[in-house]
Amino acid sequence: MHNKTLENQRVLIVDDQRAFQLMFKGVLYSMGATNVAFALTGEQALAKCSNADYDILFVDYHLGIGKNGKQLLEDLRQKKLLKPHSIFMLVTGENSVPVVVSAVELEPDDYLVKPFSQSVLRSRIIRLQKKKTQLAELFQALYDKNAEQVVELCQQEINAAGRYQQFCKRVLAENLLSLQRYNEAEHLLQACLDQRRNGWALLLMAKVCFEQQRWLECQALCDEALEENRLLAEALDVKARCYLAENDPEQAFCCIQTATDIAPYSIHRQYLYMDIAHALQDTHAKVLASKQLYEITRRSTRQDVIHLLNYIRSIIAAATLSDDPQQCNRYSQEVAIALQRARRDDSLIRETDFDLFEILCQARLDSLSGQQFQAKKTFAMVAERAETEPLILPDTVFLLNQIGEFEQAEKLASLIEPAMKAEPVLARLLSDQQRHNQSQQQHFTQLNKDGIRQYKEGQHLAALALFEQALELAPMNTGCALNVIQTSLQLLKTQTYNAAGHMLERCKKAFRIVDNMPLPEHHRQRYQELFSQFSQLKQQKRQKRRT
């Protein structure tokens, strides 16, 4: 009977080592397998699963280039290519804590560490086959994401005191939580804990307490779960959320750092890490979390160029906030390395105008290093393209805010698609810049308004001084540059050529800010009128000097 364990079963071995494939095939054949397929990479495995259903998948955690076994499992679930009856077993020769815990967190059907004996393999498979057969309806309901049916089927198994009632209690509690039926979940979990204080029940009860804002109870349950299993990273996540809710980001950060040391490959964990880093105003930690999000998603179905763009945007944001020139320079180098690396990942950036993104990033770095004219000149070259690229539009907004074109930045920010604004990292970067600029922008606006008022009252020298101060805060602001020109021209009309030399130079400098720039219609008309006046005045002054 034992040698028929895998009879009539379709088996897929996913491993990049040919020697292991052949050895393992021999083991499986001795257990009755006759239909065994192979894949060297996660991508090959995904393609095979798209064309056929497999009963058992043995997947190595490390698969060389491309997806790893954990990412393959995520992809198969996301695309619904792993059928309810299928068994997914992760296999690895590595037993380091981050790899093992990160893999186990994703809950494959089983996890095997090489080397393993044939008897261990057989007993594990038989046990899983029985479970899948006995709970076939439940696994189908989980596959269909039919939460109400999951609850009903779990309750049936529990009421019948079946062999898998403990498993069903856990699944039931998780589903009651997802359905926000907290009182029912608490009643079930309390009954489990009265029998035995096991880790999964303690963790789920902690989540119930968190949802009901019972912070102290939540933390105590997390601590108890961690005493039982110090590698339960999810308990540290919940505890970190508790501290964050209680406005204690320092304690939250200690928890989330420990959690990411144990199991760094969770997207939800990295988002939480970023939330806590934001609460602490720790820009370096935010860059690390953004980089990790990019790395985690790069080879999975969650692959999205937005994670790459946000990682690079996070580095530039950190450089913007840094007061240390050396640190700022290190961030600039990190941007260059990230851009260069992304160039080699054609599949990721193919659908994006990455050239444009790179140009805008360089302009932002130029602005940071004091090359404001160069930054604005770069913007002028790509302005038309930038406004038609939804993915790159935020970078145009970032650049315009940096060089002080606040009005134009605000107008373009309103065009960013709602779905993009809802992306957590980008939303935070936009709000961070807005908050960082707020006092500077308010001060600029007030100086500009005061200058306009003085100008209208005929106090041109006072007005010019105020416009000059405003330009120090927003050195490339078109509207304010035009105000400087207009006021200077009024003063030029009343001065001799010699006395007007400084004023003419000031006009030329202000014109440089506006020349060859894409301008809104009202600014364009005003610029043309002022340039005409400036040319006439300059000519008049020259004629007077000759006579």
Protein backbone atom coordinates (compact mmCIF):
# COMPACT_ATOMS: atom_id res chain seq x y z
CA MET A 1 0.00 0.00 0.00
CA HIS A 2 2.82 2.38 0.89
CA ASN A 3 4.32 2.32 -2.58
CA LYS A 4 0.96 3.49 -4.00
CA THR A 5 0.90 6.79 -2.01
CA LEU A 6 1.29 8.91 -5.16
CA GLU A 7 -0.52 6.68 -7.63
CA ASN A 8 -2.61 8.67 -10.16
CA GLN A 9 -1.26 11.93 -8.72
CA ARG A 10 0.06 14.69 -10.98
CA VAL A 11 3.28 15.95 -9.38
CA LEU A 12 5.35 19.06 -10.16
CA ILE A 13 8.93 19.44 -8.89
CA VAL A 14 10.18 23.04 -8.97
CA ASP A 15 13.93 23.11 -8.35
CA ASP A 16 16.84 24.68 -10.21
CA GLN A 17 19.22 21.78 -9.41
CA ARG A 18 19.00 18.98 -12.01
CA ALA A 19 20.73 16.51 -9.68
CA PHE A 20 18.07 17.01 -6.98
CA GLN A 21 15.28 16.75 -9.57
CA LEU A 22 16.49 13.33 -10.73
CA MET A 23 17.12 12.04 -7.21
CA PHE A 24 13.72 13.26 -6.00
CA LYS A 25 11.98 11.81 -9.05
CA GLY A 26 13.37 8.39 -8.08
CA VAL A 27 11.99 8.77 -4.53
CA LEU A 28 8.56 9.76 -5.85
CA TYR A 29 8.50 6.87 -8.35
CA SER A 30 9.16 4.45 -5.49
CA MET A 31 6.01 5.92 -3.85
CA GLY A 32 3.87 5.12 -6.90
CA ALA A 33 4.22 8.39 -8.88
CA THR A 34 4.19 7.97 -12.65
CA ASN A 35 3.21 11.50 -13.74
CA VAL A 36 6.03 13.81 -12.68
CA ALA A 37 6.80 17.18 -14.35
CA PHE A 38 9.71 19.56 -13.73
CA ALA A 39 10.30 23.31 -13.71
CA LEU A 40 13.65 25.02 -13.20
CA THR A 41 12.22 28.46 -12.29
CA GLY A 42 9.18 29.99 -10.66
CA GLU A 43 8.20 31.52 -14.00
CA GLN A 44 8.26 28.09 -15.69
CA ALA A 45 6.20 26.62 -12.84
CA LEU A 46 3.62 29.40 -13.17
CA ALA A 47 3.32 28.72 -16.90
CA LYS A 48 2.89 24.96 -16.32
CA CYS A 49 0.22 25.56 -13.64
CA SER A 50 -1.63 27.81 -16.09
CA ASN A 51 -1.96 24.87 -18.47
CA ALA A 52 -2.53 21.96 -16.05
CA ASP A 53 -3.71 21.20 -12.50
CA TYR A 54 -1.22 19.49 -10.20
CA ASP A 55 -2.14 17.42 -7.15
CA ILE A 56 1.18 17.92 -5.36
CA LEU A 57 3.84 20.60 -5.84
CA PHE A 58 7.31 20.27 -4.30
CA VAL A 59 8.89 23.73 -4.56
CA ASP A 60 12.42 24.71 -3.55
CA TYR A 61 12.53 27.99 -1.62
CA HIS A 62 15.55 29.32 -3.58
CA LEU A 63 15.20 29.09 -7.34
CA GLY A 64 18.19 31.11 -8.55
CA ILE A 65 17.22 33.97 -10.86
CA GLY A 66 13.57 35.10 -10.74
CA LYS A 67 10.82 34.20 -8.30
CA ASN A 68 11.55 32.19 -5.17
CA GLY A 69 9.25 29.48 -3.81
CA LYS A 70 7.43 31.86 -1.47
CA GLN A 71 6.69 34.30 -4.30
CA LEU A 72 5.50 31.41 -6.48
CA LEU A 73 3.04 30.36 -3.76
CA GLU A 74 1.71 33.94 -3.54
CA ASP A 75 1.34 34.09 -7.32
CA LEU A 76 -0.45 30.73 -7.58
CA ARG A 77 -2.93 31.81 -4.92
CA GLN A 78 -3.42 35.25 -6.45
CA LYS A 79 -4.13 33.76 -9.88
CA LYS A 80 -6.20 30.91 -8.38
CA LEU A 81 -3.94 28.30 -9.99
CA LEU A 82 -3.54 26.28 -6.79
CA LYS A 83 -6.69 24.15 -6.62
CA PRO A 84 -8.44 23.38 -3.30
CA HIS A 85 -7.29 19.75 -3.33
CA SER A 86 -3.68 20.58 -4.27
CA ILE A 87 -0.82 20.14 -1.79
CA PHE A 88 1.98 22.73 -1.84
CA MET A 89 5.19 21.75 -0.03
CA LEU A 90 8.10 24.18 0.29
CA VAL A 91 11.46 22.41 0.27
CA THR A 92 14.79 23.98 1.23
CA GLY A 93 18.28 23.17 2.37
CA GLU A 94 18.42 26.47 4.27
CA ASN A 95 17.21 26.69 7.86
CA SER A 96 17.98 30.36 8.68
CA VAL A 97 15.32 32.05 10.77
CA PRO A 98 14.25 34.79 8.26
CA VAL A 99 13.78 32.25 5.46
CA VAL A 100 11.96 29.62 7.53
CA VAL A 101 9.68 32.01 9.42
CA SER A 102 8.84 34.08 6.33
CA ALA A 103 7.94 30.89 4.45
CA VAL A 104 5.88 29.44 7.30
CA GLU A 105 3.99 32.76 7.72
CA LEU A 106 2.57 32.29 4.24
CA GLU A 107 1.16 28.94 5.42
CA PRO A 108 2.09 26.43 2.72
CA ASP A 109 0.57 23.00 3.34
CA ASP A 110 3.94 21.84 4.66
CA TYR A 111 7.61 22.81 4.88
CA LEU A 112 10.45 20.31 4.42
CA VAL A 113 14.09 20.94 5.28
CA LYS A 114 16.65 18.95 3.27
CA PRO A 115 17.77 16.27 3.85
CA PHE A 116 14.58 14.35 4.75
CA SER A 117 13.84 10.64 4.73
CA GLN A 118 11.39 8.89 2.45
CA SER A 119 9.37 7.72 5.46
CA VAL A 120 8.98 11.31 6.74
CA LEU A 121 7.95 12.47 3.26
CA ARG A 122 5.42 9.66 2.88
CA SER A 123 3.82 10.23 6.30
CA ARG A 124 3.53 13.98 5.66
CA ILE A 125 1.87 13.43 2.27
CA ILE A 126 -0.57 10.81 3.60
CA ARG A 127 -1.56 13.10 6.47
CA LEU A 128 -2.17 16.05 4.12
CA GLN A 129 -4.10 13.93 1.60
CA LYS A 130 -6.47 12.76 4.34
CA LYS A 131 -6.99 16.32 5.55
CA LYS A 132 -7.67 17.65 2.04
CA THR A 133 -10.16 14.81 1.37
CA GLN A 134 -11.97 15.06 4.71
CA LEU A 135 -12.28 18.87 4.52
CA ALA A 136 -12.75 19.13 0.74
CA GLU A 137 -15.85 21.37 1.03
CA LEU A 138 -14.08 23.68 3.47
CA PHE A 139 -10.99 24.06 1.25
CA GLN A 140 -13.31 24.79 -1.70
CA ALA A 141 -15.10 27.50 0.34
CA LEU A 142 -11.72 29.01 1.31
CA TYR A 143 -10.67 28.93 -2.35
CA ASP A 144 -13.93 30.67 -3.32
CA LYS A 145 -13.47 33.18 -0.45
CA ASN A 146 -16.99 32.39 0.72
CA ALA A 147 -16.58 33.48 4.34
CA GLU A 148 -20.14 32.65 5.42
CA GLN A 149 -19.83 29.10 4.09
CA VAL A 150 -16.41 28.73 5.73
CA VAL A 151 -18.00 29.64 9.08
CA GLU A 152 -20.83 27.12 8.57
CA LEU A 153 -18.52 24.23 7.56
CA CYS A 154 -16.09 24.92 10.41
CA GLN A 155 -18.95 24.88 12.92
CA GLN A 156 -20.15 21.54 11.53
CA GLU A 157 -16.72 19.93 12.05
CA ILE A 158 -16.42 21.43 15.54
CA ASN A 159 -19.93 20.33 16.57
CA ALA A 160 -19.18 16.81 15.32
CA ALA A 161 -15.96 16.81 17.40
CA GLY A 162 -14.19 15.72 14.21
CA ARG A 163 -10.53 14.94 13.79
CA TYR A 164 -9.80 18.41 12.40
CA GLN A 165 -11.80 20.46 14.89
CA GLN A 166 -8.72 22.34 16.18
CA PHE A 167 -7.80 23.37 12.64
CA CYS A 168 -11.42 24.41 12.04
CA LYS A 169 -11.52 26.46 15.25
CA ARG A 170 -8.55 28.45 14.03
CA VAL A 171 -10.03 28.96 10.53
CA LEU A 172 -13.39 29.89 12.08
CA ALA A 173 -11.81 32.46 14.41
CA GLU A 174 -9.88 34.03 11.51
CA ASN A 175 -13.04 34.30 9.42
CA LEU A 176 -15.12 35.76 12.27
CA LEU A 177 -12.40 38.38 12.66
CA SER A 178 -12.46 39.20 8.93
CA LEU A 179 -16.28 39.47 9.15
CA GLN A 180 -15.87 41.83 12.16
CA ARG A 181 -17.90 39.48 14.34
CA TYR A 182 -15.61 40.19 17.28
CA ASN A 183 -17.86 38.98 20.12
CA GLU A 184 -18.33 35.57 18.48
CA ALA A 185 -14.60 35.31 17.78
CA GLU A 186 -13.78 36.20 21.40
CA HIS A 187 -16.24 33.61 22.77
CA LEU A 188 -14.72 30.87 20.58
CA LEU A 189 -11.12 31.85 21.36
CA GLN A 190 -11.75 32.09 25.10
CA ALA A 191 -13.09 28.53 25.08
CA CYS A 192 -9.92 27.41 23.22
CA LEU A 193 -7.66 29.25 25.66
CA ASP A 194 -9.47 27.74 28.65
CA GLN A 195 -8.43 24.34 27.30
CA ARG A 196 -4.89 25.26 26.19
CA ARG A 197 -2.95 28.53 25.93
CA ASN A 198 -1.57 27.91 22.43
CA GLY A 199 0.08 30.52 20.22
CA TRP A 200 -2.48 30.86 17.43
CA ALA A 201 -5.38 31.37 19.88
CA LEU A 202 -3.40 33.93 21.91
CA LEU A 203 -2.51 35.83 18.72
CA LEU A 204 -6.07 35.86 17.37
CA MET A 205 -7.43 36.94 20.78
CA ALA A 206 -4.85 39.76 20.77
CA LYS A 207 -6.20 40.86 17.38
CA VAL A 208 -9.75 40.87 18.76
CA CYS A 209 -8.61 43.05 21.68
CA PHE A 210 -6.79 45.38 19.27
CA GLU A 211 -9.94 45.86 17.16
CA GLN A 212 -11.85 46.69 20.34
CA GLN A 213 -9.10 49.11 21.48
CA ARG A 214 -8.29 47.06 24.58
CA TRP A 215 -4.60 47.90 24.30
CA LEU A 216 -3.27 46.51 27.60
CA GLU A 217 -5.02 43.15 27.16
CA CYS A 218 -3.77 43.01 23.58
CA GLN A 219 -0.14 43.58 24.62
CA ALA A 220 -0.35 41.03 27.44
CA LEU A 221 -1.67 38.37 25.04
CA CYS A 222 1.09 39.17 22.52
CA ASP A 223 3.71 38.81 25.26
CA GLU A 224 2.27 35.47 26.29
CA ALA A 225 2.29 34.25 22.68
CA LEU A 226 5.92 35.36 22.32
CA GLU A 227 6.88 33.50 25.50
CA GLU A 228 5.59 30.34 23.84
CA ASN A 229 7.25 31.17 20.49
CA ARG A 230 9.79 34.01 20.38
CA LEU A 231 9.77 33.81 16.55
CA LEU A 232 6.07 34.68 16.25
CA ALA A 233 6.67 37.85 14.24
CA GLU A 234 2.96 38.51 13.78
CA ALA A 235 2.56 38.94 17.55
CA LEU A 236 5.24 41.64 17.39
CA ASP A 237 3.30 43.31 14.53
CA VAL A 238 0.13 43.46 16.63
CA LYS A 239 2.08 44.74 19.63
CA ALA A 240 3.71 47.43 17.45
CA ARG A 241 0.26 48.52 16.23
CA CYS A 242 -0.85 48.78 19.85
CA TYR A 243 2.04 51.04 20.80
CA LEU A 244 1.43 53.16 17.69
CA ALA A 245 -2.26 53.51 18.61
CA GLU A 246 -1.17 54.60 22.10
CA ASN A 247 1.15 57.23 20.53
CA ASP A 248 4.33 55.47 21.64
CA PRO A 249 6.26 55.12 18.34
CA GLU A 250 9.61 54.39 20.07
CA GLN A 251 8.25 51.17 21.62
CA ALA A 252 6.43 50.37 18.37
CA PHE A 253 9.71 50.70 16.47
CA CYS A 254 11.50 48.26 18.82
CA CYS A 255 8.74 45.70 18.13
CA ILE A 256 8.66 46.12 14.37
CA GLN A 257 12.46 46.02 14.08
CA THR A 258 12.50 42.68 15.89
CA ALA A 259 9.64 41.43 13.68
CA THR A 260 11.47 42.40 10.47
CA ASP A 261 14.68 40.79 11.73
CA ILE A 262 12.75 37.54 12.23
CA ALA A 263 10.69 37.64 9.00
CA PRO A 264 11.45 40.56 6.64
CA TYR A 265 9.59 39.33 3.55
CA SER A 266 6.07 40.50 4.43
CA ILE A 267 4.54 43.43 2.52
CA HIS A 268 2.13 44.28 5.36
CA ARG A 269 5.05 44.29 7.84
CA GLN A 270 7.06 46.70 5.70
CA TYR A 271 4.09 49.08 5.38
CA LEU A 272 3.73 49.01 9.18
CA TYR A 273 7.48 49.61 9.54
CA MET A 274 7.07 52.67 7.30
CA ASP A 275 4.08 53.99 9.32
CA ILE A 276 6.13 53.77 12.52
CA ALA A 277 9.21 55.33 10.91
CA HIS A 278 6.96 58.18 9.75
CA ALA A 279 5.63 58.69 13.28
CA LEU A 280 9.26 58.90 14.46
CA GLN A 281 10.22 61.17 11.51
CA ASP A 282 12.99 58.69 10.72
CA THR A 283 13.64 59.29 7.02
CA HIS A 284 16.40 56.66 6.75
CA ALA A 285 14.07 53.95 8.09
CA LYS A 286 11.41 55.01 5.57
CA VAL A 287 13.92 54.58 2.73
CA LEU A 288 14.83 51.09 4.00
CA ALA A 289 11.16 50.05 4.16
CA SER A 290 10.47 51.44 0.69
CA LYS A 291 13.48 49.55 -0.70
CA GLN A 292 12.32 46.33 0.96
CA LEU A 293 8.81 46.74 -0.53
CA TYR A 294 10.38 47.05 -3.97
CA GLU A 295 12.58 43.99 -3.40
CA ILE A 296 9.70 41.85 -2.05
CA THR A 297 7.32 42.66 -4.90
CA ARG A 298 9.88 42.69 -7.73
CA ARG A 299 9.39 39.04 -8.68
CA SER A 300 5.80 38.44 -7.58
CA THR A 301 2.31 39.07 -8.99
CA ARG A 302 2.37 42.20 -6.87
CA GLN A 303 5.23 43.44 -9.05
CA ASP A 304 4.46 47.04 -9.86
CA VAL A 305 6.79 49.76 -11.09
CA ILE A 306 5.19 52.08 -8.49
CA HIS A 307 7.29 50.35 -5.78
CA LEU A 308 10.49 51.09 -7.70
CA LEU A 309 9.48 54.72 -8.35
CA ASN A 310 8.49 55.18 -4.71
CA TYR A 311 11.80 53.73 -3.49
CA ILE A 312 13.75 56.27 -5.58
CA ARG A 313 11.35 59.07 -4.59
CA SER A 314 11.89 58.13 -0.91
CA ILE A 315 15.66 58.48 -1.29
CA ILE A 316 15.31 61.96 -2.85
CA ALA A 317 12.84 62.96 -0.11
CA ALA A 318 15.38 61.85 2.51
CA ALA A 319 18.11 63.88 0.76
CA THR A 320 15.79 66.92 0.76
CA LEU A 321 15.34 66.67 4.55
CA SER A 322 19.01 66.01 5.34
CA ASP A 323 21.09 68.85 6.80
CA ASP A 324 24.31 66.86 6.37
CA PRO A 325 25.97 67.48 2.95
CA GLN A 326 27.80 64.13 3.12
CA GLN A 327 24.59 62.24 3.85
CA CYS A 328 22.84 64.14 1.07
CA ASN A 329 25.62 63.11 -1.30
CA ARG A 330 25.29 59.46 -0.23
CA TYR A 331 21.56 59.61 -0.98
CA SER A 332 22.30 61.10 -4.42
CA GLN A 333 24.67 58.19 -5.13
CA GLU A 334 21.98 55.72 -3.98
CA VAL A 335 19.55 57.31 -6.46
CA ALA A 336 22.09 56.88 -9.28
CA ILE A 337 22.68 53.20 -8.36
CA ALA A 338 18.92 52.48 -8.11
CA LEU A 339 18.26 54.11 -11.50
CA GLN A 340 21.11 52.18 -13.12
CA ARG A 341 19.90 48.89 -11.64
CA ALA A 342 16.32 49.56 -12.76
CA ARG A 343 17.57 50.03 -16.33
CA ARG A 344 18.55 46.34 -16.32
CA ASP A 345 15.04 45.26 -15.27
CA ASP A 346 13.34 45.88 -18.59
CA SER A 347 10.24 43.80 -17.77
CA LEU A 348 9.47 46.14 -14.85
CA ILE A 349 9.97 49.52 -16.55
CA ARG A 350 8.82 48.60 -20.06
CA GLU A 351 5.37 50.23 -19.71
CA THR A 352 6.77 53.42 -18.15
CA ASP A 353 8.47 56.49 -19.63
CA PHE A 354 11.52 55.75 -17.49
CA ASP A 355 13.68 58.25 -19.39
CA LEU A 356 11.34 61.00 -18.28
CA PHE A 357 11.36 59.76 -14.68
CA GLU A 358 15.17 59.74 -14.70
CA ILE A 359 15.32 63.29 -16.13
CA LEU A 360 12.97 64.60 -13.40
CA CYS A 361 14.94 62.81 -10.67
CA GLN A 362 18.15 64.44 -11.91
CA ALA A 363 16.42 67.85 -11.97
CA ARG A 364 15.34 67.35 -8.35
CA LEU A 365 18.92 66.48 -7.37
CA ASP A 366 20.17 69.57 -9.27
CA SER A 367 17.70 71.71 -7.32
CA LEU A 368 18.97 70.22 -4.05
CA SER A 369 22.57 71.06 -4.95
CA GLY A 370 21.59 74.70 -5.62
CA GLN A 371 21.38 74.46 -9.43
CA GLN A 372 17.91 75.98 -9.58
CA PHE A 373 18.19 77.41 -13.09
CA GLN A 374 19.32 74.04 -14.44
CA ALA A 375 16.43 72.28 -12.63
CA LYS A 376 13.89 74.69 -14.10
CA LYS A 377 15.47 74.49 -17.55
CA THR A 378 15.16 70.69 -17.41
CA PHE A 379 11.51 71.00 -16.42
CA ALA A 380 10.88 73.34 -19.36
CA MET A 381 12.29 70.71 -21.77
CA VAL A 382 9.94 67.94 -20.57
CA ALA A 383 6.93 69.86 -19.22
CA GLU A 384 4.59 68.86 -22.04
CA ARG A 385 5.50 65.18 -21.78
CA ALA A 386 5.37 65.17 -17.98
CA GLU A 387 1.76 66.33 -17.83
CA THR A 388 0.60 63.43 -20.03
CA GLU A 389 2.32 60.63 -18.04
CA PRO A 390 0.08 59.74 -15.06
CA LEU A 391 2.74 57.58 -13.35
CA ILE A 392 5.36 60.34 -13.59
CA LEU A 393 3.08 63.29 -12.80
CA PRO A 394 3.90 63.19 -9.05
CA ASP A 395 7.59 63.72 -9.87
CA THR A 396 6.71 66.88 -11.78
CA VAL A 397 4.78 68.07 -8.70
CA PHE A 398 7.75 67.25 -6.43
CA LEU A 399 10.14 69.18 -8.71
CA LEU A 400 7.87 72.24 -9.07
CA ASN A 401 7.45 72.47 -5.30
CA GLN A 402 11.22 72.21 -4.83
CA ILE A 403 11.95 75.12 -7.18
CA GLY A 404 9.14 77.22 -5.72
CA GLU A 405 6.54 76.98 -8.50
CA PHE A 406 3.86 76.36 -5.89
CA GLU A 407 0.83 77.46 -7.92
CA GLN A 408 1.69 75.21 -10.88
CA ALA A 409 2.52 72.31 -8.55
CA GLU A 410 -0.87 72.62 -6.88
CA LYS A 411 -2.66 72.64 -10.23
CA LEU A 412 -0.84 69.49 -11.43
CA ALA A 413 -1.29 67.72 -8.06
CA SER A 414 -5.06 67.94 -8.61
CA LEU A 415 -4.59 65.89 -11.82
CA ILE A 416 -2.93 62.91 -10.08
CA GLU A 417 -5.28 59.94 -10.36
CA PRO A 418 -7.17 59.04 -7.13
CA ALA A 419 -5.88 55.43 -7.22
CA MET A 420 -2.30 56.73 -7.23
CA LYS A 421 -3.00 59.18 -4.43
CA ALA A 422 -4.36 56.26 -2.40
CA GLU A 423 -1.08 54.30 -2.69
CA PRO A 424 0.28 54.54 0.90
CA VAL A 425 3.93 55.37 0.17
CA LEU A 426 3.21 57.95 -2.55
CA ALA A 427 0.41 59.53 -0.49
CA ARG A 428 2.84 59.95 2.39
CA LEU A 429 5.58 61.42 0.18
CA LEU A 430 3.15 63.99 -1.25
CA SER A 431 1.79 64.98 2.16
CA ASP A 432 5.30 65.09 3.67
CA GLN A 433 6.49 67.52 1.01
CA GLN A 434 3.38 69.65 1.42
CA ARG A 435 3.89 69.81 5.18
CA HIS A 436 7.62 70.48 4.82
CA ASN A 437 6.92 73.36 2.38
CA GLN A 438 3.93 74.77 4.25
CA SER A 439 5.60 77.45 6.38
CA GLN A 440 7.98 78.41 3.54
CA GLN A 441 5.07 78.63 1.10
CA GLN A 442 2.93 80.68 3.53
CA HIS A 443 5.82 83.07 4.17
CA PHE A 444 6.44 83.39 0.42
CA THR A 445 2.75 84.05 -0.29
CA GLN A 446 2.57 86.72 2.42
CA LEU A 447 5.69 88.53 1.16
CA ASN A 448 4.37 88.44 -2.40
CA LYS A 449 0.96 89.81 -1.29
CA ASP A 450 2.59 92.56 0.76
CA GLY A 451 4.75 93.44 -2.25
CA ILE A 452 1.68 93.70 -4.50
CA ARG A 453 -0.04 95.95 -1.94
CA GLN A 454 3.03 98.24 -1.72
CA TYR A 455 3.24 98.35 -5.52
CA LYS A 456 -0.42 99.40 -5.82
CA GLU A 457 0.23 102.16 -3.27
CA GLY A 458 3.10 103.46 -5.41
CA GLN A 459 5.81 102.32 -2.94
CA HIS A 460 7.94 100.67 -5.62
CA LEU A 461 11.22 100.41 -3.71
CA ALA A 462 9.47 98.79 -0.72
CA ALA A 463 7.56 96.49 -3.08
CA LEU A 464 10.79 95.40 -4.85
CA ALA A 465 12.45 94.60 -1.51
CA LEU A 466 9.49 92.36 -0.57
CA PHE A 467 9.48 90.59 -3.96
CA GLU A 468 13.24 90.00 -3.64
CA GLN A 469 12.70 88.40 -0.21
CA ALA A 470 9.93 86.23 -1.65
CA LEU A 471 12.23 85.02 -4.44
CA GLU A 472 14.82 83.95 -1.86
CA LEU A 473 12.21 81.49 -0.54
CA ALA A 474 11.01 80.37 -4.00
CA PRO A 475 13.89 81.22 -6.37
CA MET A 476 12.24 80.00 -9.58
CA ASN A 477 8.70 81.29 -9.01
CA THR A 478 7.44 82.70 -12.30
CA GLY A 479 4.73 84.98 -10.87
CA CYS A 480 7.11 86.57 -8.38
CA ALA A 481 9.84 86.98 -11.04
CA LEU A 482 7.32 88.87 -13.22
CA ASN A 483 6.48 91.07 -10.19
CA VAL A 484 10.19 91.89 -9.78
CA ILE A 485 10.42 92.82 -13.49
CA GLN A 486 7.25 94.94 -13.41
CA THR A 487 8.41 96.85 -10.29
CA SER A 488 11.94 97.30 -11.64
CA LEU A 489 10.53 98.74 -14.89
CA GLN A 490 8.52 101.32 -12.92
CA LEU A 491 11.70 102.35 -11.09
CA LEU A 492 13.69 102.44 -14.36
CA LYS A 493 11.29 105.04 -15.79
CA THR A 494 12.35 107.53 -13.14
CA GLN A 495 16.13 106.92 -13.12
CA THR A 496 19.08 108.03 -15.20
CA TYR A 497 20.91 105.38 -17.24
CA ASN A 498 23.88 105.26 -14.84
CA ALA A 499 21.67 104.89 -11.79
CA ALA A 500 19.56 102.34 -13.64
CA GLY A 501 22.45 99.94 -14.35
CA HIS A 502 21.74 97.82 -11.29
CA MET A 503 18.00 97.77 -12.05
CA LEU A 504 18.60 96.63 -15.64
CA GLU A 505 20.77 93.76 -14.39
CA ARG A 506 18.06 92.83 -11.90
CA CYS A 507 15.51 92.72 -14.72
CA LYS A 508 17.77 90.51 -16.83
CA LYS A 509 18.25 88.09 -13.91
CA ALA A 510 14.47 87.90 -13.34
CA PHE A 511 13.87 87.37 -17.07
CA ARG A 512 16.21 84.35 -16.94
CA ILE A 513 13.73 82.70 -14.54
CA VAL A 514 10.91 83.08 -17.06
CA ASP A 515 12.63 82.89 -20.48
CA ASN A 516 11.81 79.81 -22.58
CA MET A 517 9.55 78.40 -19.89
CA PRO A 518 6.11 76.89 -20.57
CA LEU A 519 3.77 79.53 -19.13
CA PRO A 520 0.04 79.63 -18.39
CA GLU A 521 -1.78 82.04 -20.72
CA HIS A 522 -2.07 84.90 -18.17
CA HIS A 523 1.68 84.70 -17.38
CA ARG A 524 2.58 84.45 -21.07
CA GLN A 525 0.70 87.63 -22.00
CA ARG A 526 2.16 89.48 -19.04
CA TYR A 527 5.69 88.29 -19.89
CA GLN A 528 5.36 89.53 -23.51
CA GLU A 529 4.10 92.95 -22.37
CA LEU A 530 6.90 93.34 -19.81
CA PHE A 531 9.59 92.16 -22.23
CA SER A 532 8.36 94.75 -24.77
CA GLN A 533 8.45 97.51 -22.11
CA PHE A 534 11.93 96.39 -20.98
CA SER A 535 13.28 96.49 -24.56
CA GLN A 536 11.83 99.98 -25.15
CA LEU A 537 13.18 101.36 -21.85
CA LYS A 538 16.62 99.92 -22.50
CA GLN A 539 16.62 101.53 -25.96
CA GLN A 540 15.45 104.88 -24.55
CA LYS A 541 18.16 104.88 -21.88
CA ARG A 542 20.83 104.16 -24.50
CA GLN A 543 19.58 107.02 -26.72
CA LYS A 544 19.58 109.44 -23.76
CA ARG A 545 23.13 108.44 -22.93
CA ARG A 546 24.27 109.13 -26.51
CA THR A 547 22.71 112.60 -26.43
